[in-house]
Amino acid sequence: MPDHRNHSLVRPETLTAIGLIAVSAGLLIPAAGLRPISALLPAAMLVGLLILAAIMLVKDQRKAAAGEAAQPMMKAPGRVLGAFGLIVLYAVAVDLIGFYPSTALSVPLVARVFGYRHPLGLAIATLIVLASIWLIFGLAMSRDFPTGRFWSL
């Protein structure tokens, strides 16, 4: 049976990059239909994802051209599944307890799943993320995030 792992278009990173580009480009269409202020964040994130996926695609294709073997799709499936589970829990938590408390809990948890364990670094990263979101969207753009069902009882 021939080994297709080094064929340039069926490499896992290449397929992932192509998938990210297709999904991001597809999601830009409905984002364009939103009001400009509402479309700003999703459109910026989608464009950023498109750029990162394009860089990933180019890098992997260069590796393929150099004859470098493709890496397996997941080196640590437990971490990937753990992070995915935390994202699902985060979405539920935002609905129940609100955006800021959920984010304050999820940033350090996701970092820990990916191996970052330094408590001070986790605290600083969490504060930077929350402060940045609040400054940009809460203060500068006067946007409110969900407060959660729990607080509205």
Protein backbone atom coordinates (compact mmCIF):
# COMPACT_ATOMS: atom_id res chain seq x y z
CA MET A 1 0.00 0.00 0.00
CA PRO A 2 1.52 3.38 -0.98
CA ASP A 3 2.30 5.93 1.73
CA HIS A 4 0.29 9.09 1.07
CA ARG A 5 1.49 11.02 4.14
CA ASN A 6 4.04 12.97 2.11
CA HIS A 7 1.75 13.73 -0.83
CA SER A 8 1.44 17.48 -0.65
CA LEU A 9 -2.36 17.79 -0.63
CA VAL A 10 -3.26 15.02 1.81
CA ARG A 11 -0.93 16.07 4.60
CA PRO A 12 -2.86 16.65 7.85
CA GLU A 13 -1.68 20.25 8.30
CA THR A 14 -2.49 21.08 4.69
CA LEU A 15 -5.98 19.59 4.97
CA THR A 16 -6.55 21.44 8.24
CA ALA A 17 -5.43 24.73 6.70
CA ILE A 18 -7.63 24.25 3.64
CA GLY A 19 -10.60 23.41 5.89
CA LEU A 20 -9.99 26.49 8.06
CA ILE A 21 -9.74 28.70 4.99
CA ALA A 22 -12.98 27.30 3.52
CA VAL A 23 -14.96 27.58 6.77
CA SER A 24 -13.62 31.06 7.61
CA ALA A 25 -14.32 32.36 4.12
CA GLY A 26 -17.80 30.84 4.23
CA LEU A 27 -18.54 32.46 7.60
CA LEU A 28 -17.40 35.86 6.33
CA ILE A 29 -20.47 35.92 4.07
CA PRO A 30 -23.05 36.04 6.91
CA ALA A 31 -20.74 38.30 8.94
CA ALA A 32 -20.84 40.82 6.09
CA GLY A 33 -24.62 41.00 6.50
CA LEU A 34 -24.35 42.17 10.12
CA ARG A 35 -24.38 45.80 11.22
CA PRO A 36 -20.83 47.21 11.00
CA ILE A 37 -20.34 47.45 14.78
CA SER A 38 -21.65 43.91 15.27
CA ALA A 39 -19.57 42.51 12.42
CA LEU A 40 -16.29 44.02 13.61
CA LEU A 41 -15.20 41.28 16.03
CA PRO A 42 -16.34 38.22 14.05
CA ALA A 43 -14.97 39.60 10.79
CA ALA A 44 -11.63 40.50 12.39
CA MET A 45 -11.35 37.04 13.95
CA LEU A 46 -12.26 35.31 10.69
CA VAL A 47 -9.76 37.37 8.70
CA GLY A 48 -7.11 36.60 11.33
CA LEU A 49 -7.94 32.90 11.08
CA LEU A 50 -7.71 33.08 7.28
CA ILE A 51 -4.26 34.66 7.51
CA LEU A 52 -3.00 32.14 10.06
CA ALA A 53 -4.40 29.22 8.04
CA ALA A 54 -2.73 30.57 4.87
CA ILE A 55 0.59 30.78 6.72
CA MET A 56 0.10 27.23 7.99
CA LEU A 57 -0.68 26.05 4.45
CA VAL A 58 2.41 27.71 2.95
CA LYS A 59 4.70 26.36 5.69
CA ASP A 60 3.38 22.82 5.32
CA GLN A 61 3.64 22.93 1.54
CA ARG A 62 7.26 24.08 1.85
CA LYS A 63 7.93 21.11 4.12
CA ALA A 64 6.28 18.81 1.58
CA ALA A 65 8.38 20.27 -1.24
CA ALA A 66 11.51 19.68 0.84
CA GLY A 67 10.51 16.02 1.26
CA GLU A 68 9.88 16.31 4.99
CA ALA A 69 7.53 13.67 6.39
CA ALA A 70 4.10 14.83 7.52
CA GLN A 71 3.50 14.97 11.26
CA PRO A 72 0.57 13.06 12.76
CA MET A 73 -2.59 15.10 13.12
CA MET A 74 -2.70 14.95 16.90
CA LYS A 75 0.36 14.39 19.03
CA ALA A 76 -1.68 14.71 22.24
CA PRO A 77 -5.33 13.77 21.56
CA GLY A 78 -6.19 14.03 25.28
CA ARG A 79 -5.21 17.68 25.32
CA VAL A 80 -7.16 18.42 22.17
CA LEU A 81 -10.27 16.64 23.46
CA GLY A 82 -9.86 18.30 26.87
CA ALA A 83 -9.64 21.75 25.27
CA PHE A 84 -12.68 20.99 23.11
CA GLY A 85 -14.61 19.88 26.20
CA LEU A 86 -13.64 23.08 27.99
CA ILE A 87 -14.89 25.13 25.05
CA VAL A 88 -18.26 23.39 25.22
CA LEU A 89 -18.39 23.93 29.00
CA TYR A 90 -17.41 27.57 28.45
CA ALA A 91 -20.36 28.14 26.11
CA VAL A 92 -22.73 26.63 28.68
CA ALA A 93 -21.12 28.62 31.51
CA VAL A 94 -21.48 31.91 29.61
CA ASP A 95 -25.19 31.26 29.37
CA LEU A 96 -25.47 30.33 33.05
CA ILE A 97 -23.02 32.60 34.92
CA GLY A 98 -22.08 35.21 32.32
CA PHE A 99 -19.17 36.12 30.09
CA TYR A 100 -16.64 37.56 32.52
CA PRO A 101 -16.81 34.86 35.23
CA SER A 102 -16.75 32.12 32.57
CA THR A 103 -13.77 33.68 30.85
CA ALA A 104 -11.95 34.15 34.16
CA LEU A 105 -12.33 30.41 34.80
CA SER A 106 -11.70 29.12 31.28
CA VAL A 107 -8.50 31.00 30.35
CA PRO A 108 -6.39 29.34 33.07
CA LEU A 109 -8.10 25.97 32.61
CA VAL A 110 -7.37 25.85 28.87
CA ALA A 111 -3.78 26.98 29.52
CA ARG A 112 -3.37 24.16 32.07
CA VAL A 113 -4.73 21.59 29.62
CA PHE A 114 -1.97 22.64 27.22
CA GLY A 115 0.68 22.33 29.89
CA TYR A 116 1.14 25.82 31.30
CA ARG A 117 1.22 25.47 35.10
CA HIS A 118 2.79 28.63 36.55
CA PRO A 119 0.09 30.18 38.84
CA LEU A 120 1.34 33.76 38.59
CA GLY A 121 1.60 33.52 34.79
CA LEU A 122 -1.92 32.07 34.59
CA ALA A 123 -3.26 34.88 36.76
CA ILE A 124 -1.50 37.57 34.72
CA ALA A 125 -2.68 36.07 31.40
CA THR A 126 -6.25 35.89 32.68
CA LEU A 127 -6.14 39.50 33.87
CA ILE A 128 -4.68 40.68 30.56
CA VAL A 129 -7.37 38.87 28.55
CA LEU A 130 -10.23 40.15 30.72
CA ALA A 131 -8.89 43.69 30.94
CA SER A 132 -8.30 43.85 27.18
CA ILE A 133 -11.80 42.64 26.40
CA TRP A 134 -13.34 45.06 28.89
CA LEU A 135 -11.26 48.04 27.67
CA ILE A 136 -11.94 47.41 23.98
CA PHE A 137 -15.55 46.28 24.04
CA GLY A 138 -16.94 47.39 27.40
CA LEU A 139 -15.34 50.80 27.71
CA ALA A 140 -14.36 51.93 24.20
CA MET A 141 -17.27 50.41 22.29
CA SER A 142 -19.88 50.41 25.10
CA ARG A 143 -20.82 46.80 24.46
CA ASP A 144 -22.30 44.53 27.11
CA PHE A 145 -21.57 40.83 27.35
CA PRO A 146 -24.03 38.23 28.63
CA THR A 147 -24.49 38.36 32.40
CA GLY A 148 -25.90 34.85 32.70
CA ARG A 149 -29.20 33.34 33.71
CA PHE A 150 -28.01 32.70 37.26
CA TRP A 151 -27.65 36.41 38.04
CA SER A 152 -31.02 37.31 36.50
CA LEU A 153 -33.09 35.07 38.81
